[in-house]
Amino acid sequence: MSRSCKAMFMSALLLVSGCGTINTVFRPYVVTSQNLKDSRSHCESVPRIYSGMIYGFCTLNGEPRAGKSLKDQTLTDHAGNALPIVAIEFVASGVLDTLVLPYTIYRQNKDGSIEIFR
């Protein structure tokens, strides 16, 4: 694989895996608010600056679903594989958040934080 193909592949991978940034920067704030409400997050607002990383923390800072338990097969089968995915998500969101930093600073000053409506 040539060097330019590898660079394009890595760029595409970063864009796909940085979903926290995509959800908070490129989608309407109502969608972000609803997603965090659905994940039962304890966060009350998400600042627009580095919002992808904060979105990831807020998603993790939620109550577990009532139907899940430690004996649930789907949880125990995949729990060991979740840490690398979360780490990749945070790194990708951090990179993408840094790239869109001038825009998010402007939006933070203009619109304020993204409020999570309960």
PDB file of N, CA and C in Angstrom:
ATOM      1  N   MET A   1       0.857  -1.169   0.000  1.00  0.00           N
ATOM      2  CA  MET A   1       0.000   0.000   0.000  1.00  0.00           C
ATOM      3  C   MET A   1       0.904   1.233   0.000  1.00  0.00           C
ATOM      4  N   SER A   2       0.605   2.157  -0.887  1.00  0.00           N
ATOM      5  CA  SER A   2       1.436   3.357  -0.984  1.00  0.00           C
ATOM      6  C   SER A   2       1.217   4.274   0.217  1.00  0.00           C
ATOM      7  N   ARG A   3       2.140   5.191   0.374  1.00  0.00           N
ATOM      8  CA  ARG A   3       2.081   6.105   1.518  1.00  0.00           C
ATOM      9  C   ARG A   3       0.842   7.000   1.465  1.00  0.00           C
ATOM     10  N   SER A   4       0.460   7.458   0.267  1.00  0.00           N
ATOM     11  CA  SER A   4      -0.719   8.322   0.153  1.00  0.00           C
ATOM     12  C   SER A   4      -1.998   7.552   0.443  1.00  0.00           C
ATOM     13  N   CYS A   5      -2.049   6.275   0.056  1.00  0.00           N
ATOM     14  CA  CYS A   5      -3.223   5.453   0.374  1.00  0.00           C
ATOM     15  C   CYS A   5      -3.343   5.248   1.881  1.00  0.00           C
ATOM     16  N   LYS A   6      -2.207   5.025   2.539  1.00  0.00           N
ATOM     17  CA  LYS A   6      -2.225   4.862   3.992  1.00  0.00           C
ATOM     18  C   LYS A   6      -2.698   6.140   4.674  1.00  0.00           C
ATOM     19  N   ALA A   7      -2.240   7.281   4.188  1.00  0.00           N
ATOM     20  CA  ALA A   7      -2.649   8.559   4.775  1.00  0.00           C
ATOM     21  C   ALA A   7      -4.143   8.791   4.585  1.00  0.00           C
ATOM     22  N   MET A   8      -4.659   8.478   3.404  1.00  0.00           N
ATOM     23  CA  MET A   8      -6.097   8.650   3.165  1.00  0.00           C
ATOM     24  C   MET A   8      -6.902   7.680   4.017  1.00  0.00           C
ATOM     25  N   PHE A   9      -6.416   6.459   4.171  1.00  0.00           N
ATOM     26  CA  PHE A   9      -7.104   5.478   5.001  1.00  0.00           C
ATOM     27  C   PHE A   9      -7.136   5.935   6.457  1.00  0.00           C
ATOM     28  N   MET A  10      -6.022   6.422   6.965  1.00  0.00           N
ATOM     29  CA  MET A  10      -5.971   6.899   8.346  1.00  0.00           C
ATOM     30  C   MET A  10      -6.867   8.120   8.544  1.00  0.00           C
ATOM     31  N   SER A  11      -6.906   9.004   7.561  1.00  0.00           N
ATOM     32  CA  SER A  11      -7.782  10.177   7.650  1.00  0.00           C
ATOM     33  C   SER A  11      -9.243   9.756   7.686  1.00  0.00           C
ATOM     34  N   ALA A  12      -9.605   8.813   6.838  1.00  0.00           N
ATOM     35  CA  ALA A  12     -10.983   8.316   6.828  1.00  0.00           C
ATOM     36  C   ALA A  12     -11.315   7.629   8.145  1.00  0.00           C
ATOM     37  N   LEU A  13     -10.369   6.874   8.679  1.00  0.00           N
ATOM     38  CA  LEU A  13     -10.577   6.202   9.954  1.00  0.00           C
ATOM     39  C   LEU A  13     -10.787   7.209  11.078  1.00  0.00           C
ATOM     40  N   LEU A  14     -10.009   8.279  11.086  1.00  0.00           N
ATOM     41  CA  LEU A  14     -10.179   9.322  12.098  1.00  0.00           C
ATOM     42  C   LEU A  14     -11.545   9.986  11.985  1.00  0.00           C
ATOM     43  N   LEU A  15     -11.973  10.255  10.767  1.00  0.00           N
ATOM     44  CA  LEU A  15     -13.274  10.895  10.587  1.00  0.00           C
ATOM     45  C   LEU A  15     -14.408  10.001  11.040  1.00  0.00           C
ATOM     46  N   VAL A  16     -14.315   8.711  10.745  1.00  0.00           N
ATOM     47  CA  VAL A  16     -15.380   7.791  11.124  1.00  0.00           C
ATOM     48  C   VAL A  16     -15.388   7.557  12.626  1.00  0.00           C
ATOM     49  N   SER A  17     -14.212   7.407  13.219  1.00  0.00           N
ATOM     50  CA  SER A  17     -14.162   7.076  14.638  1.00  0.00           C
ATOM     51  C   SER A  17     -14.365   8.289  15.537  1.00  0.00           C
ATOM     52  N   GLY A  18     -14.239   9.479  15.018  1.00  0.00           N
ATOM     53  CA  GLY A  18     -14.428  10.675  15.834  1.00  0.00           C
ATOM     54  C   GLY A  18     -15.881  11.083  15.925  1.00  0.00           C
ATOM     55  N   CYS A  19     -16.740  10.144  16.250  1.00  0.00           N
ATOM     56  CA  CYS A  19     -18.172  10.425  16.189  1.00  0.00           C
ATOM     57  C   CYS A  19     -18.610  11.430  17.251  1.00  0.00           C
ATOM     58  N   GLY A  20     -17.902  11.549  18.364  1.00  0.00           N
ATOM     59  CA  GLY A  20     -18.261  12.559  19.350  1.00  0.00           C
ATOM     60  C   GLY A  20     -18.163  13.954  18.770  1.00  0.00           C
ATOM     61  N   THR A  21     -17.116  14.210  18.034  1.00  0.00           N
ATOM     62  CA  THR A  21     -16.940  15.504  17.379  1.00  0.00           C
ATOM     63  C   THR A  21     -17.973  15.701  16.285  1.00  0.00           C
ATOM     64  N   ILE A  22     -18.224  14.664  15.510  1.00  0.00           N
ATOM     65  CA  ILE A  22     -19.225  14.763  14.442  1.00  0.00           C
ATOM     66  C   ILE A  22     -20.597  15.047  15.034  1.00  0.00           C
ATOM     67  N   ASN A  23     -20.938  14.380  16.141  1.00  0.00           N
ATOM     68  CA  ASN A  23     -22.242  14.595  16.770  1.00  0.00           C
ATOM     69  C   ASN A  23     -22.399  15.988  17.346  1.00  0.00           C
ATOM     70  N   THR A  24     -21.330  16.576  17.842  1.00  0.00           N
ATOM     71  CA  THR A  24     -21.463  17.870  18.511  1.00  0.00           C
ATOM     72  C   THR A  24     -21.182  19.064  17.620  1.00  0.00           C
ATOM     73  N   VAL A  25     -20.344  18.894  16.604  1.00  0.00           N
ATOM     74  CA  VAL A  25     -19.959  20.029  15.760  1.00  0.00           C
ATOM     75  C   VAL A  25     -20.785  20.092  14.483  1.00  0.00           C
ATOM     76  N   PHE A  26     -21.009  18.950  13.855  1.00  0.00           N
ATOM     77  CA  PHE A  26     -21.619  18.946  12.531  1.00  0.00           C
ATOM     78  C   PHE A  26     -23.108  18.616  12.525  1.00  0.00           C
ATOM     79  N   ARG A  27     -23.667  18.235  13.638  1.00  0.00           N
ATOM     80  CA  ARG A  27     -25.096  17.937  13.713  1.00  0.00           C
ATOM     81  C   ARG A  27     -25.775  18.990  14.583  1.00  0.00           C
ATOM     82  N   PRO A  28     -27.099  19.160  14.433  1.00  0.00           N
ATOM     83  CA  PRO A  28     -27.800  20.150  15.266  1.00  0.00           C
ATOM     84  C   PRO A  28     -27.662  19.820  16.756  1.00  0.00           C
ATOM     85  N   TYR A  29     -27.648  20.859  17.583  1.00  0.00           N
ATOM     86  CA  TYR A  29     -27.458  20.652  19.022  1.00  0.00           C
ATOM     87  C   TYR A  29     -28.592  19.847  19.637  1.00  0.00           C
ATOM     88  N   VAL A  30     -29.773  19.866  19.006  1.00  0.00           N
ATOM     89  CA  VAL A  30     -30.912  19.101  19.516  1.00  0.00           C
ATOM     90  C   VAL A  30     -30.607  17.600  19.448  1.00  0.00           C
ATOM     91  N   VAL A  31     -29.921  17.165  18.404  1.00  0.00           N
ATOM     92  CA  VAL A  31     -29.548  15.755  18.258  1.00  0.00           C
ATOM     93  C   VAL A  31     -28.561  15.362  19.352  1.00  0.00           C
ATOM     94  N   THR A  32     -27.589  16.208  19.602  1.00  0.00           N
ATOM     95  CA  THR A  32     -26.608  15.945  20.660  1.00  0.00           C
ATOM     96  C   THR A  32     -27.296  15.855  22.010  1.00  0.00           C
ATOM     97  N   SER A  33     -28.183  16.794  22.275  1.00  0.00           N
ATOM     98  CA  SER A  33     -28.910  16.804  23.537  1.00  0.00           C
ATOM     99  C   SER A  33     -29.743  15.535  23.700  1.00  0.00           C
ATOM    100  N   GLN A  34     -30.427  15.130  22.644  1.00  0.00           N
ATOM    101  CA  GLN A  34     -31.266  13.931  22.706  1.00  0.00           C
ATOM    102  C   GLN A  34     -30.421  12.667  22.882  1.00  0.00           C
ATOM    103  N   ASN A  35     -29.284  12.590  22.193  1.00  0.00           N
ATOM    104  CA  ASN A  35     -28.406  11.421  22.341  1.00  0.00           C
ATOM    105  C   ASN A  35     -27.914  11.275  23.776  1.00  0.00           C
ATOM    106  N   LEU A  36     -27.516  12.378  24.394  1.00  0.00           N
ATOM    107  CA  LEU A  36     -27.035  12.308  25.776  1.00  0.00           C
ATOM    108  C   LEU A  36     -28.180  12.045  26.742  1.00  0.00           C
ATOM    109  N   LYS A  37     -29.342  12.547  26.427  1.00  0.00           N
ATOM    110  CA  LYS A  37     -30.514  12.249  27.255  1.00  0.00           C
ATOM    111  C   LYS A  37     -30.849  10.762  27.165  1.00  0.00           C
ATOM    112  N   ASP A  38     -30.783  10.204  25.954  1.00  0.00           N
ATOM    113  CA  ASP A  38     -31.065   8.783  25.760  1.00  0.00           C
ATOM    114  C   ASP A  38     -30.033   7.892  26.444  1.00  0.00           C
ATOM    115  N   SER A  39     -28.794   8.361  26.549  1.00  0.00           N
ATOM    116  CA  SER A  39     -27.762   7.570  27.225  1.00  0.00           C
ATOM    117  C   SER A  39     -27.816   7.750  28.740  1.00  0.00           C
ATOM    118  N   ARG A  40     -28.781   8.522  29.224  1.00  0.00           N
ATOM    119  CA  ARG A  40     -29.021   8.757  30.653  1.00  0.00           C
ATOM    120  C   ARG A  40     -27.797   9.379  31.325  1.00  0.00           C
ATOM    121  N   SER A  41     -27.193  10.325  30.607  1.00  0.00           N
ATOM    122  CA  SER A  41     -25.991  10.993  31.093  1.00  0.00           C
ATOM    123  C   SER A  41     -26.320  11.921  32.259  1.00  0.00           C
ATOM    124  N   HIS A  42     -25.361  12.072  33.144  1.00  0.00           N
ATOM    125  CA  HIS A  42     -25.513  12.991  34.274  1.00  0.00           C
ATOM    126  C   HIS A  42     -25.048  14.406  33.929  1.00  0.00           C
ATOM    127  N   CYS A  43     -24.510  14.601  32.740  1.00  0.00           N
ATOM    128  CA  CYS A  43     -24.048  15.930  32.319  1.00  0.00           C
ATOM    129  C   CYS A  43     -25.244  16.840  32.056  1.00  0.00           C
ATOM    130  N   GLU A  44     -25.108  18.099  32.413  1.00  0.00           N
ATOM    131  CA  GLU A  44     -26.171  19.074  32.178  1.00  0.00           C
ATOM    132  C   GLU A  44     -25.917  19.917  30.943  1.00  0.00           C
ATOM    133  N   SER A  45     -24.658  20.051  30.552  1.00  0.00           N
ATOM    134  CA  SER A  45     -24.317  20.799  29.346  1.00  0.00           C
ATOM    135  C   SER A  45     -22.962  20.323  28.827  1.00  0.00           C
ATOM    136  N   VAL A  46     -22.728  20.610  27.542  1.00  0.00           N
ATOM    137  CA  VAL A  46     -21.467  20.250  26.895  1.00  0.00           C
ATOM    138  C   VAL A  46     -20.894  21.517  26.278  1.00  0.00           C
ATOM    139  N   PRO A  47     -19.711  21.962  26.726  1.00  0.00           N
ATOM    140  CA  PRO A  47     -19.110  23.133  26.081  1.00  0.00           C
ATOM    141  C   PRO A  47     -18.740  22.794  24.642  1.00  0.00           C
ATOM    142  N   ARG A  48     -18.833  23.753  23.764  1.00  0.00           N
ATOM    143  CA  ARG A  48     -18.550  23.497  22.345  1.00  0.00           C
ATOM    144  C   ARG A  48     -17.062  23.315  22.071  1.00  0.00           C
ATOM    145  N   ILE A  49     -16.203  23.881  22.916  1.00  0.00           N
ATOM    146  CA  ILE A  49     -14.757  23.725  22.750  1.00  0.00           C
ATOM    147  C   ILE A  49     -14.376  22.335  23.258  1.00  0.00           C
ATOM    148  N   TYR A  50     -13.727  21.546  22.403  1.00  0.00           N
ATOM    149  CA  TYR A  50     -13.415  20.141  22.663  1.00  0.00           C
ATOM    150  C   TYR A  50     -14.673  19.363  23.047  1.00  0.00           C
ATOM    151  N   SER A  51     -15.759  19.642  22.334  1.00  0.00           N
ATOM    152  CA  SER A  51     -17.044  19.020  22.632  1.00  0.00           C
ATOM    153  C   SER A  51     -17.069  17.529  22.333  1.00  0.00           C
ATOM    154  N   GLY A  52     -16.289  17.065  21.380  1.00  0.00           N
ATOM    155  CA  GLY A  52     -16.269  15.634  21.070  1.00  0.00           C
ATOM    156  C   GLY A  52     -15.747  14.808  22.227  1.00  0.00           C
ATOM    157  N   MET A  53     -14.697  15.291  22.866  1.00  0.00           N
ATOM    158  CA  MET A  53     -14.147  14.572  24.016  1.00  0.00           C
ATOM    159  C   MET A  53     -15.103  14.645  25.207  1.00  0.00           C
ATOM    160  N   ILE A  54     -15.682  15.813  25.442  1.00  0.00           N
ATOM    161  CA  ILE A  54     -16.635  15.956  26.542  1.00  0.00           C
ATOM    162  C   ILE A  54     -17.859  15.086  26.292  1.00  0.00           C
ATOM    163  N   TYR A  55     -18.309  15.027  25.034  1.00  0.00           N
ATOM    164  CA  TYR A  55     -19.440  14.171  24.658  1.00  0.00           C
ATOM    165  C   TYR A  55     -19.125  12.713  25.001  1.00  0.00           C
ATOM    166  N   GLY A  56     -17.912  12.273  24.710  1.00  0.00           N
ATOM    167  CA  GLY A  56     -17.514  10.907  25.046  1.00  0.00           C
ATOM    168  C   GLY A  56     -17.545  10.656  26.545  1.00  0.00           C
ATOM    169  N   PHE A  57     -17.007  11.591  27.331  1.00  0.00           N
ATOM    170  CA  PHE A  57     -17.051  11.448  28.783  1.00  0.00           C
ATOM    171  C   PHE A  57     -18.492  11.441  29.287  1.00  0.00           C
ATOM    172  N   CYS A  58     -19.331  12.307  28.735  1.00  0.00           N
ATOM    173  CA  CYS A  58     -20.729  12.360  29.168  1.00  0.00           C
ATOM    174  C   CYS A  58     -21.476  11.085  28.802  1.00  0.00           C
ATOM    175  N   THR A  59     -21.145  10.499  27.657  1.00  0.00           N
ATOM    176  CA  THR A  59     -21.770   9.236  27.273  1.00  0.00           C
ATOM    177  C   THR A  59     -21.383   8.135  28.251  1.00  0.00           C
ATOM    178  N   LEU A  60     -20.132   8.122  28.681  1.00  0.00           N
ATOM    179  CA  LEU A  60     -19.690   7.126  29.661  1.00  0.00           C
ATOM    180  C   LEU A  60     -20.248   7.409  31.049  1.00  0.00           C
ATOM    181  N   ASN A  61     -20.567   8.677  31.337  1.00  0.00           N
ATOM    182  CA  ASN A  61     -21.056   9.082  32.649  1.00  0.00           C
ATOM    183  C   ASN A  61     -22.581   9.011  32.686  1.00  0.00           C
ATOM    184  N   GLY A  62     -23.114   7.859  32.359  1.00  0.00           N
ATOM    185  CA  GLY A  62     -24.554   7.681  32.376  1.00  0.00           C
ATOM    186  C   GLY A  62     -24.930   6.454  33.183  1.00  0.00           C
ATOM    187  N   GLU A  63     -26.205   6.366  33.497  1.00  0.00           N
ATOM    188  CA  GLU A  63     -26.691   5.202  34.226  1.00  0.00           C
ATOM    189  C   GLU A  63     -26.766   4.009  33.279  1.00  0.00           C
ATOM    190  N   PRO A  64     -26.484   2.811  33.785  1.00  0.00           N
ATOM    191  CA  PRO A  64     -26.613   1.635  32.921  1.00  0.00           C
ATOM    192  C   PRO A  64     -28.077   1.379  32.581  1.00  0.00           C
ATOM    193  N   ARG A  65     -28.297   0.731  31.474  1.00  0.00           N
ATOM    194  CA  ARG A  65     -29.663   0.397  31.074  1.00  0.00           C
ATOM    195  C   ARG A  65     -30.227  -0.634  32.040  1.00  0.00           C
ATOM    196  N   ALA A  66     -31.515  -0.565  32.268  1.00  0.00           N
ATOM    197  CA  ALA A  66     -32.154  -1.447  33.242  1.00  0.00           C
ATOM    198  C   ALA A  66     -32.051  -2.918  32.847  1.00  0.00           C
ATOM    199  N   GLY A  67     -32.047  -3.231  31.560  1.00  0.00           N
ATOM    200  CA  GLY A  67     -32.020  -4.616  31.104  1.00  0.00           C
ATOM    201  C   GLY A  67     -30.652  -5.261  31.125  1.00  0.00           C
ATOM    202  N   LYS A  68     -29.602  -4.515  31.395  1.00  0.00           N
ATOM    203  CA  LYS A  68     -28.240  -5.060  31.373  1.00  0.00           C
ATOM    204  C   LYS A  68     -27.789  -5.422  32.783  1.00  0.00           C
ATOM    205  N   SER A  69     -27.059  -6.507  32.875  1.00  0.00           N
ATOM    206  CA  SER A  69     -26.458  -6.895  34.140  1.00  0.00           C
ATOM    207  C   SER A  69     -25.096  -7.506  33.846  1.00  0.00           C
ATOM    208  N   LEU A  70     -24.334  -7.782  34.877  1.00  0.00           N
ATOM    209  CA  LEU A  70     -23.017  -8.379  34.675  1.00  0.00           C
ATOM    210  C   LEU A  70     -23.107  -9.798  34.136  1.00  0.00           C
ATOM    211  N   LYS A  71     -24.255 -10.445  34.321  1.00  0.00           N
ATOM    212  CA  LYS A  71     -24.429 -11.804  33.815  1.00  0.00           C
ATOM    213  C   LYS A  71     -24.960 -11.822  32.388  1.00  0.00           C
ATOM    214  N   ASP A  72     -25.273 -10.673  31.851  1.00  0.00           N
ATOM    215  CA  ASP A  72     -25.788 -10.577  30.486  1.00  0.00           C
ATOM    216  C   ASP A  72     -24.688 -10.964  29.502  1.00  0.00           C
ATOM    217  N   GLN A  73     -24.979 -11.904  28.603  1.00  0.00           N
ATOM    218  CA  GLN A  73     -23.978 -12.403  27.657  1.00  0.00           C
ATOM    219  C   GLN A  73     -23.424 -11.302  26.764  1.00  0.00           C
ATOM    220  N   THR A  74     -24.269 -10.410  26.281  1.00  0.00           N
ATOM    221  CA  THR A  74     -23.788  -9.393  25.354  1.00  0.00           C
ATOM    222  C   THR A  74     -22.827  -8.428  26.035  1.00  0.00           C
ATOM    223  N   LEU A  75     -23.019  -8.202  27.327  1.00  0.00           N
ATOM    224  CA  LEU A  75     -22.120  -7.301  28.043  1.00  0.00           C
ATOM    225  C   LEU A  75     -20.775  -7.971  28.319  1.00  0.00           C
ATOM    226  N   THR A  76     -20.797  -9.200  28.820  1.00  0.00           N
ATOM    227  CA  THR A  76     -19.544  -9.855  29.185  1.00  0.00           C
ATOM    228  C   THR A  76     -18.748 -10.304  27.969  1.00  0.00           C
ATOM    229  N   ASP A  77     -19.408 -10.616  26.867  1.00  0.00           N
ATOM    230  CA  ASP A  77     -18.682 -11.042  25.674  1.00  0.00           C
ATOM    231  C   ASP A  77     -17.853  -9.918  25.074  1.00  0.00           C
ATOM    232  N   HIS A  78     -18.317  -8.699  25.190  1.00  0.00           N
ATOM    233  CA  HIS A  78     -17.657  -7.595  24.509  1.00  0.00           C
ATOM    234  C   HIS A  78     -17.021  -6.577  25.452  1.00  0.00           C
ATOM    235  N   ALA A  79     -17.138  -6.767  26.743  1.00  0.00           N
ATOM    236  CA  ALA A  79     -16.620  -5.763  27.672  1.00  0.00           C
ATOM    237  C   ALA A  79     -15.105  -5.631  27.575  1.00  0.00           C
ATOM    238  N   GLY A  80     -14.398  -6.716  27.342  1.00  0.00           N
ATOM    239  CA  GLY A  80     -12.948  -6.653  27.235  1.00  0.00           C
ATOM    240  C   GLY A  80     -12.481  -5.921  25.992  1.00  0.00           C
ATOM    241  N   ASN A  81     -13.304  -5.894  24.966  1.00  0.00           N
ATOM    242  CA  ASN A  81     -12.939  -5.237  23.714  1.00  0.00           C
ATOM    243  C   ASN A  81     -13.318  -3.760  23.692  1.00  0.00           C
ATOM    244  N   ALA A  82     -14.012  -3.283  24.695  1.00  0.00           N
ATOM    245  CA  ALA A  82     -14.517  -1.911  24.676  1.00  0.00           C
ATOM    246  C   ALA A  82     -13.418  -0.880  24.934  1.00  0.00           C
ATOM    247  N   LEU A  83     -12.436  -1.206  25.735  1.00  0.00           N
ATOM    248  CA  LEU A  83     -11.410  -0.223  26.093  1.00  0.00           C
ATOM    249  C   LEU A  83     -10.627   0.293  24.890  1.00  0.00           C
ATOM    250  N   PRO A  84     -10.164  -0.553  23.977  1.00  0.00           N
ATOM    251  CA  PRO A  84      -9.460   0.003  22.806  1.00  0.00           C
ATOM    252  C   PRO A  84     -10.352   0.897  21.949  1.00  0.00           C
ATOM    253  N   ILE A  85     -11.614   0.559  21.833  1.00  0.00           N
ATOM    254  CA  ILE A  85     -12.535   1.376  21.037  1.00  0.00           C
ATOM    255  C   ILE A  85     -12.719   2.741  21.686  1.00  0.00           C
ATOM    256  N   VAL A  86     -12.883   2.759  23.001  1.00  0.00           N
ATOM    257  CA  VAL A  86     -13.045   4.023  23.721  1.00  0.00           C
ATOM    258  C   VAL A  86     -11.776   4.857  23.605  1.00  0.00           C
ATOM    259  N   ALA A  87     -10.619   4.220  23.710  1.00  0.00           N
ATOM    260  CA  ALA A  87      -9.350   4.949  23.599  1.00  0.00           C
ATOM    261  C   ALA A  87      -9.185   5.549  22.207  1.00  0.00           C
ATOM    262  N   ILE A  88      -9.503   4.776  21.169  1.00  0.00           N
ATOM    263  CA  ILE A  88      -9.420   5.283  19.797  1.00  0.00           C
ATOM    264  C   ILE A  88     -10.393   6.436  19.604  1.00  0.00           C
ATOM    265  N   GLU A  89     -11.594   6.304  20.154  1.00  0.00           N
ATOM    266  CA  GLU A  89     -12.604   7.360  20.035  1.00  0.00           C
ATOM    267  C   GLU A  89     -12.110   8.659  20.677  1.00  0.00           C
ATOM    268  N   PHE A  90     -11.522   8.575  21.876  1.00  0.00           N
ATOM    269  CA  PHE A  90     -11.048   9.784  22.547  1.00  0.00           C
ATOM    270  C   PHE A  90      -9.887  10.429  21.800  1.00  0.00           C
ATOM    271  N   VAL A  91      -8.975   9.626  21.298  1.00  0.00           N
ATOM    272  CA  VAL A  91      -7.844  10.177  20.542  1.00  0.00           C
ATOM    273  C   VAL A  91      -8.343  10.835  19.261  1.00  0.00           C
ATOM    274  N   ALA A  92      -9.220  10.141  18.535  1.00  0.00           N
ATOM    275  CA  ALA A  92      -9.746  10.693  17.283  1.00  0.00           C
ATOM    276  C   ALA A  92     -10.551  11.963  17.537  1.00  0.00           C
ATOM    277  N   SER A  93     -11.367  11.958  18.585  1.00  0.00           N
ATOM    278  CA  SER A  93     -12.131  13.160  18.914  1.00  0.00           C
ATOM    279  C   SER A  93     -11.207  14.306  19.302  1.00  0.00           C
ATOM    280  N   GLY A  94     -10.148  14.000  20.032  1.00  0.00           N
ATOM    281  CA  GLY A  94      -9.190  15.043  20.398  1.00  0.00           C
ATOM    282  C   GLY A  94      -8.518  15.661  19.185  1.00  0.00           C
ATOM    283  N   VAL A  95      -8.143  14.826  18.222  1.00  0.00           N
ATOM    284  CA  VAL A  95      -7.517  15.329  16.994  1.00  0.00           C
ATOM    285  C   VAL A  95      -8.508  16.173  16.206  1.00  0.00           C
ATOM    286  N   LEU A  96      -9.715  15.647  16.015  1.00  0.00           N
ATOM    287  CA  LEU A  96     -10.716  16.395  15.247  1.00  0.00           C
ATOM    288  C   LEU A  96     -11.145  17.669  15.968  1.00  0.00           C
ATOM    289  N   ASP A  97     -11.278  17.599  17.295  1.00  0.00           N
ATOM    290  CA  ASP A  97     -11.627  18.800  18.057  1.00  0.00           C
ATOM    291  C   ASP A  97     -10.558  19.877  17.903  1.00  0.00           C
ATOM    292  N   THR A  98      -9.300  19.476  17.851  1.00  0.00           N
ATOM    293  CA  THR A  98      -8.218  20.437  17.656  1.00  0.00           C
ATOM    294  C   THR A  98      -8.284  21.058  16.267  1.00  0.00           C
ATOM    295  N   LEU A  99      -8.623  20.257  15.263  1.00  0.00           N
ATOM    296  CA  LEU A  99      -8.726  20.779  13.896  1.00  0.00           C
ATOM    297  C   LEU A  99      -9.845  21.807  13.744  1.00  0.00           C
ATOM    298  N   VAL A 100     -10.948  21.620  14.465  1.00  0.00           N
ATOM    299  CA  VAL A 100     -12.088  22.537  14.340  1.00  0.00           C
ATOM    300  C   VAL A 100     -12.119  23.560  15.473  1.00  0.00           C
ATOM    301  N   LEU A 101     -11.022  23.694  16.202  1.00  0.00           N
ATOM    302  CA  LEU A 101     -10.967  24.591  17.357  1.00  0.00           C
ATOM    303  C   LEU A 101     -11.344  26.039  17.041  1.00  0.00           C
ATOM    304  N   PRO A 102     -10.861  26.647  15.965  1.00  0.00           N
ATOM    305  CA  PRO A 102     -11.279  28.032  15.695  1.00  0.00           C
ATOM    306  C   PRO A 102     -12.800  28.173  15.538  1.00  0.00           C
ATOM    307  N   TYR A 103     -13.413  27.220  14.852  1.00  0.00           N
ATOM    308  CA  TYR A 103     -14.868  27.258  14.662  1.00  0.00           C
ATOM    309  C   TYR A 103     -15.604  27.056  15.983  1.00  0.00           C
ATOM    310  N   THR A 104     -15.151  26.114  16.821  1.00  0.00           N
ATOM    311  CA  THR A 104     -15.853  25.860  18.078  1.00  0.00           C
ATOM    312  C   THR A 104     -15.676  27.004  19.073  1.00  0.00           C
ATOM    313  N   ILE A 105     -14.540  27.697  19.030  1.00  0.00           N
ATOM    314  CA  ILE A 105     -14.372  28.882  19.884  1.00  0.00           C
ATOM    315  C   ILE A 105     -15.375  29.953  19.471  1.00  0.00           C
ATOM    316  N   TYR A 106     -15.516  30.143  18.172  1.00  0.00           N
ATOM    317  CA  TYR A 106     -16.498  31.108  17.667  1.00  0.00           C
ATOM    318  C   TYR A 106     -17.911  30.719  18.103  1.00  0.00           C
ATOM    319  N   ARG A 107     -18.280  29.437  17.934  1.00  0.00           N
ATOM    320  CA  ARG A 107     -19.629  28.987  18.303  1.00  0.00           C
ATOM    321  C   ARG A 107     -19.861  29.061  19.810  1.00  0.00           C
ATOM    322  N   GLN A 108     -18.834  28.802  20.609  1.00  0.00           N
ATOM    323  CA  GLN A 108     -18.977  28.902  22.062  1.00  0.00           C
ATOM    324  C   GLN A 108     -19.266  30.343  22.458  1.00  0.00           C
ATOM    325  N   ASN A 109     -18.554  31.290  21.855  1.00  0.00           N
ATOM    326  CA  ASN A 109     -18.792  32.703  22.154  1.00  0.00           C
ATOM    327  C   ASN A 109     -20.146  33.169  21.650  1.00  0.00           C
ATOM    328  N   LYS A 110     -20.576  32.661  20.510  1.00  0.00           N
ATOM    329  CA  LYS A 110     -21.834  33.099  19.914  1.00  0.00           C
ATOM    330  C   LYS A 110     -23.050  32.432  20.557  1.00  0.00           C
ATOM    331  N   ASP A 111     -23.010  31.094  20.726  1.00  0.00           N
ATOM    332  CA  ASP A 111     -24.187  30.332  21.149  1.00  0.00           C
ATOM    333  C   ASP A 111     -24.103  29.765  22.556  1.00  0.00           C
ATOM    334  N   GLY A 112     -22.920  29.716  23.142  1.00  0.00           N
ATOM    335  CA  GLY A 112     -22.775  29.122  24.463  1.00  0.00           C
ATOM    336  C   GLY A 112     -22.691  27.608  24.392  1.00  0.00           C
ATOM    337  N   SER A 113     -22.812  26.966  25.524  1.00  0.00           N
ATOM    338  CA  SER A 113     -22.702  25.511  25.605  1.00  0.00           C
ATOM    339  C   SER A 113     -23.956  24.834  25.071  1.00  0.00           C
ATOM    340  N   ILE A 114     -23.820  23.552  24.762  1.00  0.00           N
ATOM    341  CA  ILE A 114     -24.956  22.739  24.326  1.00  0.00           C
ATOM    342  C   ILE A 114     -25.669  22.255  25.580  1.00  0.00           C
ATOM    343  N   GLU A 115     -26.894  22.684  25.771  1.00  0.00           N
ATOM    344  CA  GLU A 115     -27.674  22.292  26.944  1.00  0.00           C
ATOM    345  C   GLU A 115     -28.339  20.943  26.696  1.00  0.00           C
ATOM    346  N   ILE A 116     -28.403  20.127  27.739  1.00  0.00           N
ATOM    347  CA  ILE A 116     -29.068  18.835  27.646  1.00  0.00           C
ATOM    348  C   ILE A 116     -30.423  18.982  28.316  1.00  0.00           C
ATOM    349  N   PHE A 117     -31.464  18.926  27.507  1.00  0.00           N
ATOM    350  CA  PHE A 117     -32.821  19.116  28.005  1.00  0.00           C
ATOM    351  C   PHE A 117     -33.339  17.818  28.596  1.00  0.00           C
ATOM    352  N   ARG A 118     -33.894  17.896  29.771  1.00  0.00           N
ATOM    353  CA  ARG A 118     -34.442  16.709  30.455  1.00  0.00           C
ATOM    354  C   ARG A 118     -35.930  16.627  30.277  1.00  0.00           C
TER     355      ARG A 118
END
